[in-house]
Amino acid sequence: MVYVDDMEAPFGSMIMCHMVADTHRELVEMARVIRVDLKWIQYPGTIREHFDIAKSKREQAVRHGAIEITWRQCGEREAQLRRDPGALDRYYER
């Protein structure tokens, strides 16, 4: 599953949010669908792996099945994954 949060961080003329997923494959697949260049992935290879995406891309992700979550839920998700020693292995094996 792919998730987009409600963060609204200014970046130039854009407003950005986070896009995260249950697996690396799902995250990269959604990035391709909504045409986010894979070079923009942040913290690759870690539990913190995500994309910062513009609000227009967020809307596209939701239309393609991404689940809307709050910024706080996104942080709680990451904290939970950090407490789980096998989380990164499962993230990459699916």
PDB file of N, CA and C in Angstrom:
ATOM      1  N   MET A   1       0.838  -1.177   0.000  1.00  0.00           N
ATOM      2  CA  MET A   1       0.000   0.000   0.000  1.00  0.00           C
ATOM      3  C   MET A   1       0.890   1.251   0.000  1.00  0.00           C
ATOM      4  N   VAL A   2       0.443   2.267  -0.701  1.00  0.00           N
ATOM      5  CA  VAL A   2       1.151   3.548  -0.774  1.00  0.00           C
ATOM      6  C   VAL A   2       0.359   4.576   0.024  1.00  0.00           C
ATOM      7  N   TYR A   3       1.065   5.464   0.705  1.00  0.00           N
ATOM      8  CA  TYR A   3       0.436   6.481   1.550  1.00  0.00           C
ATOM      9  C   TYR A   3       0.989   7.859   1.209  1.00  0.00           C
ATOM     10  N   VAL A   4       0.136   8.875   1.295  1.00  0.00           N
ATOM     11  CA  VAL A   4       0.570  10.271   1.156  1.00  0.00           C
ATOM     12  C   VAL A   4       0.069  11.033   2.374  1.00  0.00           C
ATOM     13  N   ASP A   5       0.953  11.852   2.941  1.00  0.00           N
ATOM     14  CA  ASP A   5       0.551  12.573   4.146  1.00  0.00           C
ATOM     15  C   ASP A   5       0.053  13.982   3.821  1.00  0.00           C
ATOM     16  N   ASP A   6      -0.349  14.684   4.861  1.00  0.00           N
ATOM     17  CA  ASP A   6      -0.935  16.017   4.688  1.00  0.00           C
ATOM     18  C   ASP A   6       0.041  17.141   5.024  1.00  0.00           C
ATOM     19  N   MET A   7       1.336  16.815   5.093  1.00  0.00           N
ATOM     20  CA  MET A   7       2.332  17.847   5.348  1.00  0.00           C
ATOM     21  C   MET A   7       2.253  18.893   4.223  1.00  0.00           C
ATOM     22  N   GLU A   8       2.487  20.127   4.547  1.00  0.00           N
ATOM     23  CA  GLU A   8       2.504  21.197   3.543  1.00  0.00           C
ATOM     24  C   GLU A   8       3.767  22.024   3.738  1.00  0.00           C
ATOM     25  N   ALA A   9       4.859  21.533   3.161  1.00  0.00           N
ATOM     26  CA  ALA A   9       6.157  22.201   3.291  1.00  0.00           C
ATOM     27  C   ALA A   9       6.462  22.962   2.006  1.00  0.00           C
ATOM     28  N   PRO A  10       6.729  24.260   2.106  1.00  0.00           N
ATOM     29  CA  PRO A  10       7.060  25.016   0.898  1.00  0.00           C
ATOM     30  C   PRO A  10       8.428  24.611   0.350  1.00  0.00           C
ATOM     31  N   PHE A  11       8.496  24.515  -0.967  1.00  0.00           N
ATOM     32  CA  PHE A  11       9.764  24.252  -1.662  1.00  0.00           C
ATOM     33  C   PHE A  11       9.687  25.037  -2.961  1.00  0.00           C
ATOM     34  N   GLY A  12      10.352  26.180  -2.991  1.00  0.00           N
ATOM     35  CA  GLY A  12      10.234  27.067  -4.149  1.00  0.00           C
ATOM     36  C   GLY A  12       8.790  27.519  -4.289  1.00  0.00           C
ATOM     37  N   SER A  13       8.224  27.299  -5.460  1.00  0.00           N
ATOM     38  CA  SER A  13       6.833  27.694  -5.694  1.00  0.00           C
ATOM     39  C   SER A  13       5.857  26.543  -5.429  1.00  0.00           C
ATOM     40  N   MET A  14       6.375  25.417  -4.925  1.00  0.00           N
ATOM     41  CA  MET A  14       5.526  24.241  -4.690  1.00  0.00           C
ATOM     42  C   MET A  14       5.270  24.026  -3.201  1.00  0.00           C
ATOM     43  N   ILE A  15       4.216  23.270  -2.931  1.00  0.00           N
ATOM     44  CA  ILE A  15       3.922  22.796  -1.587  1.00  0.00           C
ATOM     45  C   ILE A  15       4.102  21.278  -1.638  1.00  0.00           C
ATOM     46  N   MET A  16       4.919  20.751  -0.725  1.00  0.00           N
ATOM     47  CA  MET A  16       5.314  19.349  -0.769  1.00  0.00           C
ATOM     48  C   MET A  16       4.713  18.544   0.381  1.00  0.00           C
ATOM     49  N   CYS A  17       4.599  17.238   0.149  1.00  0.00           N
ATOM     50  CA  CYS A  17       4.196  16.284   1.181  1.00  0.00           C
ATOM     51  C   CYS A  17       5.038  15.027   0.994  1.00  0.00           C
ATOM     52  N   HIS A  18       4.826  14.024   1.843  1.00  0.00           N
ATOM     53  CA  HIS A  18       5.566  12.770   1.764  1.00  0.00           C
ATOM     54  C   HIS A  18       4.740  11.684   1.084  1.00  0.00           C
ATOM     55  N   MET A  19       5.410  10.823   0.339  1.00  0.00           N
ATOM     56  CA  MET A  19       4.810   9.605  -0.190  1.00  0.00           C
ATOM     57  C   MET A  19       5.666   8.447   0.298  1.00  0.00           C
ATOM     58  N   VAL A  20       5.035   7.513   1.019  1.00  0.00           N
ATOM     59  CA  VAL A  20       5.701   6.338   1.568  1.00  0.00           C
ATOM     60  C   VAL A  20       4.904   5.108   1.148  1.00  0.00           C
ATOM     61  N   ALA A  21       5.463   3.927   1.392  1.00  0.00           N
ATOM     62  CA  ALA A  21       4.755   2.702   1.008  1.00  0.00           C
ATOM     63  C   ALA A  21       5.159   1.551   1.916  1.00  0.00           C
ATOM     64  N   ASP A  22       4.365   0.481   1.857  1.00  0.00           N
ATOM     65  CA  ASP A  22       4.659  -0.718   2.629  1.00  0.00           C
ATOM     66  C   ASP A  22       5.864  -1.464   2.077  1.00  0.00           C
ATOM     67  N   THR A  23       6.126  -1.302   0.784  1.00  0.00           N
ATOM     68  CA  THR A  23       7.288  -1.967   0.175  1.00  0.00           C
ATOM     69  C   THR A  23       7.989  -1.008  -0.777  1.00  0.00           C
ATOM     70  N   HIS A  24       9.253  -1.282  -0.997  1.00  0.00           N
ATOM     71  CA  HIS A  24      10.035  -0.489  -1.946  1.00  0.00           C
ATOM     72  C   HIS A  24       9.416  -0.562  -3.341  1.00  0.00           C
ATOM     73  N   ARG A  25       9.009  -1.753  -3.742  1.00  0.00           N
ATOM     74  CA  ARG A  25       8.433  -1.953  -5.070  1.00  0.00           C
ATOM     75  C   ARG A  25       7.186  -1.085  -5.255  1.00  0.00           C
ATOM     76  N   GLU A  26       6.315  -1.055  -4.254  1.00  0.00           N
ATOM     77  CA  GLU A  26       5.095  -0.243  -4.355  1.00  0.00           C
ATOM     78  C   GLU A  26       5.426   1.244  -4.447  1.00  0.00           C
ATOM     79  N   LEU A  27       6.412   1.680  -3.682  1.00  0.00           N
ATOM     80  CA  LEU A  27       6.797   3.091  -3.698  1.00  0.00           C
ATOM     81  C   LEU A  27       7.318   3.493  -5.074  1.00  0.00           C
ATOM     82  N   VAL A  28       8.209   2.698  -5.620  1.00  0.00           N
ATOM     83  CA  VAL A  28       8.804   3.002  -6.925  1.00  0.00           C
ATOM     84  C   VAL A  28       7.752   2.908  -8.033  1.00  0.00           C
ATOM     85  N   GLU A  29       6.878   1.928  -7.938  1.00  0.00           N
ATOM     86  CA  GLU A  29       5.827   1.782  -8.943  1.00  0.00           C
ATOM     87  C   GLU A  29       4.917   3.009  -8.971  1.00  0.00           C
ATOM     88  N   MET A  30       4.521   3.490  -7.796  1.00  0.00           N
ATOM     89  CA  MET A  30       3.660   4.679  -7.757  1.00  0.00           C
ATOM     90  C   MET A  30       4.413   5.892  -8.282  1.00  0.00           C
ATOM     91  N   ALA A  31       5.682   6.029  -7.941  1.00  0.00           N
ATOM     92  CA  ALA A  31       6.468   7.153  -8.456  1.00  0.00           C
ATOM     93  C   ALA A  31       6.469   7.139  -9.979  1.00  0.00           C
ATOM     94  N   ARG A  32       6.613   5.972 -10.557  1.00  0.00           N
ATOM     95  CA  ARG A  32       6.593   5.870 -12.022  1.00  0.00           C
ATOM     96  C   ARG A  32       5.224   6.240 -12.582  1.00  0.00           C
ATOM     97  N   VAL A  33       4.167   5.752 -11.935  1.00  0.00           N
ATOM     98  CA  VAL A  33       2.800   6.026 -12.414  1.00  0.00           C
ATOM     99  C   VAL A  33       2.514   7.523 -12.421  1.00  0.00           C
ATOM    100  N   ILE A  34       2.918   8.216 -11.357  1.00  0.00           N
ATOM    101  CA  ILE A  34       2.619   9.656 -11.275  1.00  0.00           C
ATOM    102  C   ILE A  34       3.752  10.514 -11.836  1.00  0.00           C
ATOM    103  N   ARG A  35       4.730   9.853 -12.436  1.00  0.00           N
ATOM    104  CA  ARG A  35       5.839  10.522 -13.121  1.00  0.00           C
ATOM    105  C   ARG A  35       6.702  11.393 -12.208  1.00  0.00           C
ATOM    106  N   VAL A  36       7.125  10.767 -11.123  1.00  0.00           N
ATOM    107  CA  VAL A  36       8.123  11.384 -10.250  1.00  0.00           C
ATOM    108  C   VAL A  36       9.441  10.689 -10.572  1.00  0.00           C
ATOM    109  N   ASP A  37      10.448  11.449 -10.910  1.00  0.00           N
ATOM    110  CA  ASP A  37      11.747  10.894 -11.273  1.00  0.00           C
ATOM    111  C   ASP A  37      12.334  10.147 -10.073  1.00  0.00           C
ATOM    112  N   LEU A  38      12.789   8.932 -10.300  1.00  0.00           N
ATOM    113  CA  LEU A  38      13.316   8.100  -9.217  1.00  0.00           C
ATOM    114  C   LEU A  38      14.558   8.696  -8.564  1.00  0.00           C
ATOM    115  N   LYS A  39      15.203   9.645  -9.207  1.00  0.00           N
ATOM    116  CA  LYS A  39      16.379  10.278  -8.585  1.00  0.00           C
ATOM    117  C   LYS A  39      15.988  11.099  -7.353  1.00  0.00           C
ATOM    118  N   TRP A  40      14.708  11.385  -7.173  1.00  0.00           N
ATOM    119  CA  TRP A  40      14.251  12.197  -6.046  1.00  0.00           C
ATOM    120  C   TRP A  40      13.932  11.370  -4.799  1.00  0.00           C
ATOM    121  N   ILE A  41      14.180  10.072  -4.846  1.00  0.00           N
ATOM    122  CA  ILE A  41      13.931   9.248  -3.665  1.00  0.00           C
ATOM    123  C   ILE A  41      14.827   9.732  -2.523  1.00  0.00           C
ATOM    124  N   GLN A  42      14.281   9.759  -1.319  1.00  0.00           N
ATOM    125  CA  GLN A  42      15.033  10.219  -0.155  1.00  0.00           C
ATOM    126  C   GLN A  42      15.301   9.049   0.781  1.00  0.00           C
ATOM    127  N   TYR A  43      16.469   9.033   1.379  1.00  0.00           N
ATOM    128  CA  TYR A  43      16.904   7.983   2.305  1.00  0.00           C
ATOM    129  C   TYR A  43      16.768   6.586   1.706  1.00  0.00           C
ATOM    130  N   PRO A  44      17.239   6.374   0.476  1.00  0.00           N
ATOM    131  CA  PRO A  44      17.097   5.052  -0.154  1.00  0.00           C
ATOM    132  C   PRO A  44      17.779   3.961   0.673  1.00  0.00           C
ATOM    133  N   GLY A  45      17.132   2.818   0.691  1.00  0.00           N
ATOM    134  CA  GLY A  45      17.693   1.676   1.400  1.00  0.00           C
ATOM    135  C   GLY A  45      17.497   1.690   2.897  1.00  0.00           C
ATOM    136  N   THR A  46      16.667   2.624   3.394  1.00  0.00           N
ATOM    137  CA  THR A  46      16.399   2.711   4.833  1.00  0.00           C
ATOM    138  C   THR A  46      14.895   2.691   5.076  1.00  0.00           C
ATOM    139  N   ILE A  47      14.539   2.523   6.344  1.00  0.00           N
ATOM    140  CA  ILE A  47      13.120   2.583   6.723  1.00  0.00           C
ATOM    141  C   ILE A  47      12.535   3.958   6.407  1.00  0.00           C
ATOM    142  N   ARG A  48      13.374   4.978   6.340  1.00  0.00           N
ATOM    143  CA  ARG A  48      12.901   6.348   6.074  1.00  0.00           C
ATOM    144  C   ARG A  48      12.701   6.637   4.591  1.00  0.00           C
ATOM    145  N   GLU A  49      12.900   5.653   3.728  1.00  0.00           N
ATOM    146  CA  GLU A  49      12.794   5.842   2.285  1.00  0.00           C
ATOM    147  C   GLU A  49      11.424   6.435   1.918  1.00  0.00           C
ATOM    148  N   HIS A  50      11.456   7.519   1.144  1.00  0.00           N
ATOM    149  CA  HIS A  50      10.215   8.177   0.733  1.00  0.00           C
ATOM    150  C   HIS A  50      10.506   9.149  -0.413  1.00  0.00           C
ATOM    151  N   PHE A  51       9.447   9.700  -0.948  1.00  0.00           N
ATOM    152  CA  PHE A  51       9.551  10.802  -1.895  1.00  0.00           C
ATOM    153  C   PHE A  51       8.860  12.010  -1.284  1.00  0.00           C
ATOM    154  N   ASP A  52       9.427  13.188  -1.484  1.00  0.00           N
ATOM    155  CA  ASP A  52       8.706  14.434  -1.253  1.00  0.00           C
ATOM    156  C   ASP A  52       8.049  14.752  -2.592  1.00  0.00           C
ATOM    157  N   ILE A  53       6.743  14.901  -2.584  1.00  0.00           N
ATOM    158  CA  ILE A  53       6.025  15.156  -3.833  1.00  0.00           C
ATOM    159  C   ILE A  53       5.172  16.407  -3.714  1.00  0.00           C
ATOM    160  N   ALA A  54       4.955  17.074  -4.833  1.00  0.00           N
ATOM    161  CA  ALA A  54       4.112  18.278  -4.885  1.00  0.00           C
ATOM    162  C   ALA A  54       2.647  17.891  -4.699  1.00  0.00           C
ATOM    163  N   LYS A  55       1.843  18.855  -4.270  1.00  0.00           N
ATOM    164  CA  LYS A  55       0.411  18.588  -4.049  1.00  0.00           C
ATOM    165  C   LYS A  55      -0.277  18.044  -5.298  1.00  0.00           C
ATOM    166  N   SER A  56       0.121  18.508  -6.470  1.00  0.00           N
ATOM    167  CA  SER A  56      -0.495  18.004  -7.703  1.00  0.00           C
ATOM    168  C   SER A  56      -0.183  16.513  -7.892  1.00  0.00           C
ATOM    169  N   LYS A  57       1.022  16.091  -7.533  1.00  0.00           N
ATOM    170  CA  LYS A  57       1.390  14.674  -7.608  1.00  0.00           C
ATOM    171  C   LYS A  57       0.662  13.879  -6.532  1.00  0.00           C
ATOM    172  N   ARG A  58       0.439  14.511  -5.378  1.00  0.00           N
ATOM    173  CA  ARG A  58      -0.318  13.860  -4.303  1.00  0.00           C
ATOM    174  C   ARG A  58      -1.714  13.505  -4.797  1.00  0.00           C
ATOM    175  N   GLU A  59      -2.359  14.450  -5.455  1.00  0.00           N
ATOM    176  CA  GLU A  59      -3.703  14.211  -5.990  1.00  0.00           C
ATOM    177  C   GLU A  59      -3.687  13.057  -6.982  1.00  0.00           C
ATOM    178  N   GLN A  60      -2.674  13.000  -7.832  1.00  0.00           N
ATOM    179  CA  GLN A  60      -2.557  11.894  -8.790  1.00  0.00           C
ATOM    180  C   GLN A  60      -2.375  10.564  -8.062  1.00  0.00           C
ATOM    181  N   ALA A  61      -1.537  10.555  -7.031  1.00  0.00           N
ATOM    182  CA  ALA A  61      -1.300   9.326  -6.275  1.00  0.00           C
ATOM    183  C   ALA A  61      -2.597   8.824  -5.638  1.00  0.00           C
ATOM    184  N   VAL A  62      -3.377   9.728  -5.081  1.00  0.00           N
ATOM    185  CA  VAL A  62      -4.658   9.340  -4.478  1.00  0.00           C
ATOM    186  C   VAL A  62      -5.582   8.762  -5.546  1.00  0.00           C
ATOM    187  N   ARG A  63      -5.622   9.375  -6.716  1.00  0.00           N
ATOM    188  CA  ARG A  63      -6.455   8.840  -7.809  1.00  0.00           C
ATOM    189  C   ARG A  63      -6.004   7.442  -8.221  1.00  0.00           C
ATOM    190  N   HIS A  64      -4.734   7.139  -8.007  1.00  0.00           N
ATOM    191  CA  HIS A  64      -4.196   5.824  -8.369  1.00  0.00           C
ATOM    192  C   HIS A  64      -4.137   4.871  -7.173  1.00  0.00           C
ATOM    193  N   GLY A  65      -4.822   5.210  -6.083  1.00  0.00           N
ATOM    194  CA  GLY A  65      -4.974   4.278  -4.975  1.00  0.00           C
ATOM    195  C   GLY A  65      -4.201   4.564  -3.709  1.00  0.00           C
ATOM    196  N   ALA A  66      -3.414   5.630  -3.660  1.00  0.00           N
ATOM    197  CA  ALA A  66      -2.690   5.952  -2.426  1.00  0.00           C
ATOM    198  C   ALA A  66      -3.684   6.323  -1.324  1.00  0.00           C
ATOM    199  N   ILE A  67      -3.334   5.965  -0.110  1.00  0.00           N
ATOM    200  CA  ILE A  67      -4.163   6.237   1.064  1.00  0.00           C
ATOM    201  C   ILE A  67      -3.703   7.544   1.700  1.00  0.00           C
ATOM    202  N   GLU A  68      -4.646   8.415   2.015  1.00  0.00           N
ATOM    203  CA  GLU A  68      -4.327   9.684   2.663  1.00  0.00           C
ATOM    204  C   GLU A  68      -4.174   9.457   4.162  1.00  0.00           C
ATOM    205  N   ILE A  69      -3.038   9.932   4.711  1.00  0.00           N
ATOM    206  CA  ILE A  69      -2.788   9.860   6.146  1.00  0.00           C
ATOM    207  C   ILE A  69      -2.319  11.228   6.616  1.00  0.00           C
ATOM    208  N   THR A  70      -2.275  11.398   7.927  1.00  0.00           N
ATOM    209  CA  THR A  70      -1.784  12.656   8.472  1.00  0.00           C
ATOM    210  C   THR A  70      -0.258  12.607   8.571  1.00  0.00           C
ATOM    211  N   TRP A  71       0.332  13.770   8.710  1.00  0.00           N
ATOM    212  CA  TRP A  71       1.769  13.876   8.909  1.00  0.00           C
ATOM    213  C   TRP A  71       2.161  13.119  10.169  1.00  0.00           C
ATOM    214  N   ARG A  72       1.351  13.213  11.198  1.00  0.00           N
ATOM    215  CA  ARG A  72       1.611  12.516  12.463  1.00  0.00           C
ATOM    216  C   ARG A  72       1.563  11.001  12.262  1.00  0.00           C
ATOM    217  N   GLN A  73       0.579  10.520  11.516  1.00  0.00           N
ATOM    218  CA  GLN A  73       0.497   9.079  11.241  1.00  0.00           C
ATOM    219  C   GLN A  73       1.713   8.600  10.464  1.00  0.00           C
ATOM    220  N   CYS A  74       2.200   9.417   9.565  1.00  0.00           N
ATOM    221  CA  CYS A  74       3.399   9.074   8.791  1.00  0.00           C
ATOM    222  C   CYS A  74       4.588   8.913   9.742  1.00  0.00           C
ATOM    223  N   GLY A  75       4.744   9.825  10.672  1.00  0.00           N
ATOM    224  CA  GLY A  75       5.823   9.739  11.661  1.00  0.00           C
ATOM    225  C   GLY A  75       5.673   8.546  12.582  1.00  0.00           C
ATOM    226  N   GLU A  76       4.443   8.261  13.004  1.00  0.00           N
ATOM    227  CA  GLU A  76       4.193   7.106  13.870  1.00  0.00           C
ATOM    228  C   GLU A  76       4.514   5.803  13.141  1.00  0.00           C
ATOM    229  N   ARG A  77       4.192   5.751  11.857  1.00  0.00           N
ATOM    230  CA  ARG A  77       4.493   4.581  11.036  1.00  0.00           C
ATOM    231  C   ARG A  77       5.998   4.346  11.009  1.00  0.00           C
ATOM    232  N   GLU A  78       6.762   5.403  10.769  1.00  0.00           N
ATOM    233  CA  GLU A  78       8.216   5.282  10.732  1.00  0.00           C
ATOM    234  C   GLU A  78       8.759   4.835  12.089  1.00  0.00           C
ATOM    235  N   ALA A  79       8.254   5.405  13.171  1.00  0.00           N
ATOM    236  CA  ALA A  79       8.711   5.027  14.511  1.00  0.00           C
ATOM    237  C   ALA A  79       8.421   3.551  14.787  1.00  0.00           C
ATOM    238  N   GLN A  80       7.276   3.091  14.374  1.00  0.00           N
ATOM    239  CA  GLN A  80       6.919   1.681  14.567  1.00  0.00           C
ATOM    240  C   GLN A  80       7.870   0.779  13.782  1.00  0.00           C
ATOM    241  N   LEU A  81       8.183   1.163  12.553  1.00  0.00           N
ATOM    242  CA  LEU A  81       9.100   0.370  11.740  1.00  0.00           C
ATOM    243  C   LEU A  81      10.501   0.336  12.356  1.00  0.00           C
ATOM    244  N   ARG A  82      10.920   1.427  12.959  1.00  0.00           N
ATOM    245  CA  ARG A  82      12.253   1.468  13.590  1.00  0.00           C
ATOM    246  C   ARG A  82      12.336   0.507  14.777  1.00  0.00           C
ATOM    247  N   ARG A  83      11.220   0.302  15.462  1.00  0.00           N
ATOM    248  CA  ARG A  83      11.205  -0.601  16.612  1.00  0.00           C
ATOM    249  C   ARG A  83      11.179  -2.067  16.193  1.00  0.00           C
ATOM    250  N   ASP A  84      10.907  -2.345  14.920  1.00  0.00           N
ATOM    251  CA  ASP A  84      10.765  -3.710  14.408  1.00  0.00           C
ATOM    252  C   ASP A  84      12.046  -4.107  13.671  1.00  0.00           C
ATOM    253  N   PRO A  85      12.872  -4.980  14.258  1.00  0.00           N
ATOM    254  CA  PRO A  85      14.163  -5.303  13.651  1.00  0.00           C
ATOM    255  C   PRO A  85      14.079  -5.925  12.256  1.00  0.00           C
ATOM    256  N   GLY A  86      13.006  -6.595  11.908  1.00  0.00           N
ATOM    257  CA  GLY A  86      12.899  -7.231  10.593  1.00  0.00           C
ATOM    258  C   GLY A  86      12.189  -6.386   9.556  1.00  0.00           C
ATOM    259  N   ALA A  87      11.842  -5.163   9.906  1.00  0.00           N
ATOM    260  CA  ALA A  87      11.026  -4.334   9.023  1.00  0.00           C
ATOM    261  C   ALA A  87      11.686  -4.064   7.682  1.00  0.00           C
ATOM    262  N   LEU A  88      12.951  -3.746   7.685  1.00  0.00           N
ATOM    263  CA  LEU A  88      13.629  -3.403   6.428  1.00  0.00           C
ATOM    264  C   LEU A  88      13.729  -4.628   5.525  1.00  0.00           C
ATOM    265  N   ASP A  89      13.998  -5.795   6.107  1.00  0.00           N
ATOM    266  CA  ASP A  89      14.053  -7.034   5.306  1.00  0.00           C
ATOM    267  C   ASP A  89      12.709  -7.282   4.624  1.00  0.00           C
ATOM    268  N   ARG A  90      11.629  -7.133   5.369  1.00  0.00           N
ATOM    269  CA  ARG A  90      10.297  -7.351   4.775  1.00  0.00           C
ATOM    270  C   ARG A  90       9.972  -6.276   3.739  1.00  0.00           C
ATOM    271  N   TYR A  91      10.449  -5.063   3.948  1.00  0.00           N
ATOM    272  CA  TYR A  91      10.202  -3.960   3.035  1.00  0.00           C
ATOM    273  C   TYR A  91      10.762  -4.276   1.645  1.00  0.00           C
ATOM    274  N   TYR A  92      11.908  -4.930   1.594  1.00  0.00           N
ATOM    275  CA  TYR A  92      12.552  -5.225   0.326  1.00  0.00           C
ATOM    276  C   TYR A  92      12.225  -6.601  -0.247  1.00  0.00           C
ATOM    277  N   GLU A  93      11.654  -7.520   0.532  1.00  0.00           N
ATOM    278  CA  GLU A  93      11.425  -8.861  -0.008  1.00  0.00           C
ATOM    279  C   GLU A  93      10.063  -9.037  -0.667  1.00  0.00           C
ATOM    280  N   ARG A  94       9.125  -8.165  -0.435  1.00  0.00           N
ATOM    281  CA  ARG A  94       7.792  -8.335  -1.020  1.00  0.00           C
ATOM    282  C   ARG A  94       7.807  -8.092  -2.492  1.00  0.00           C
TER     283      ARG A  94
END
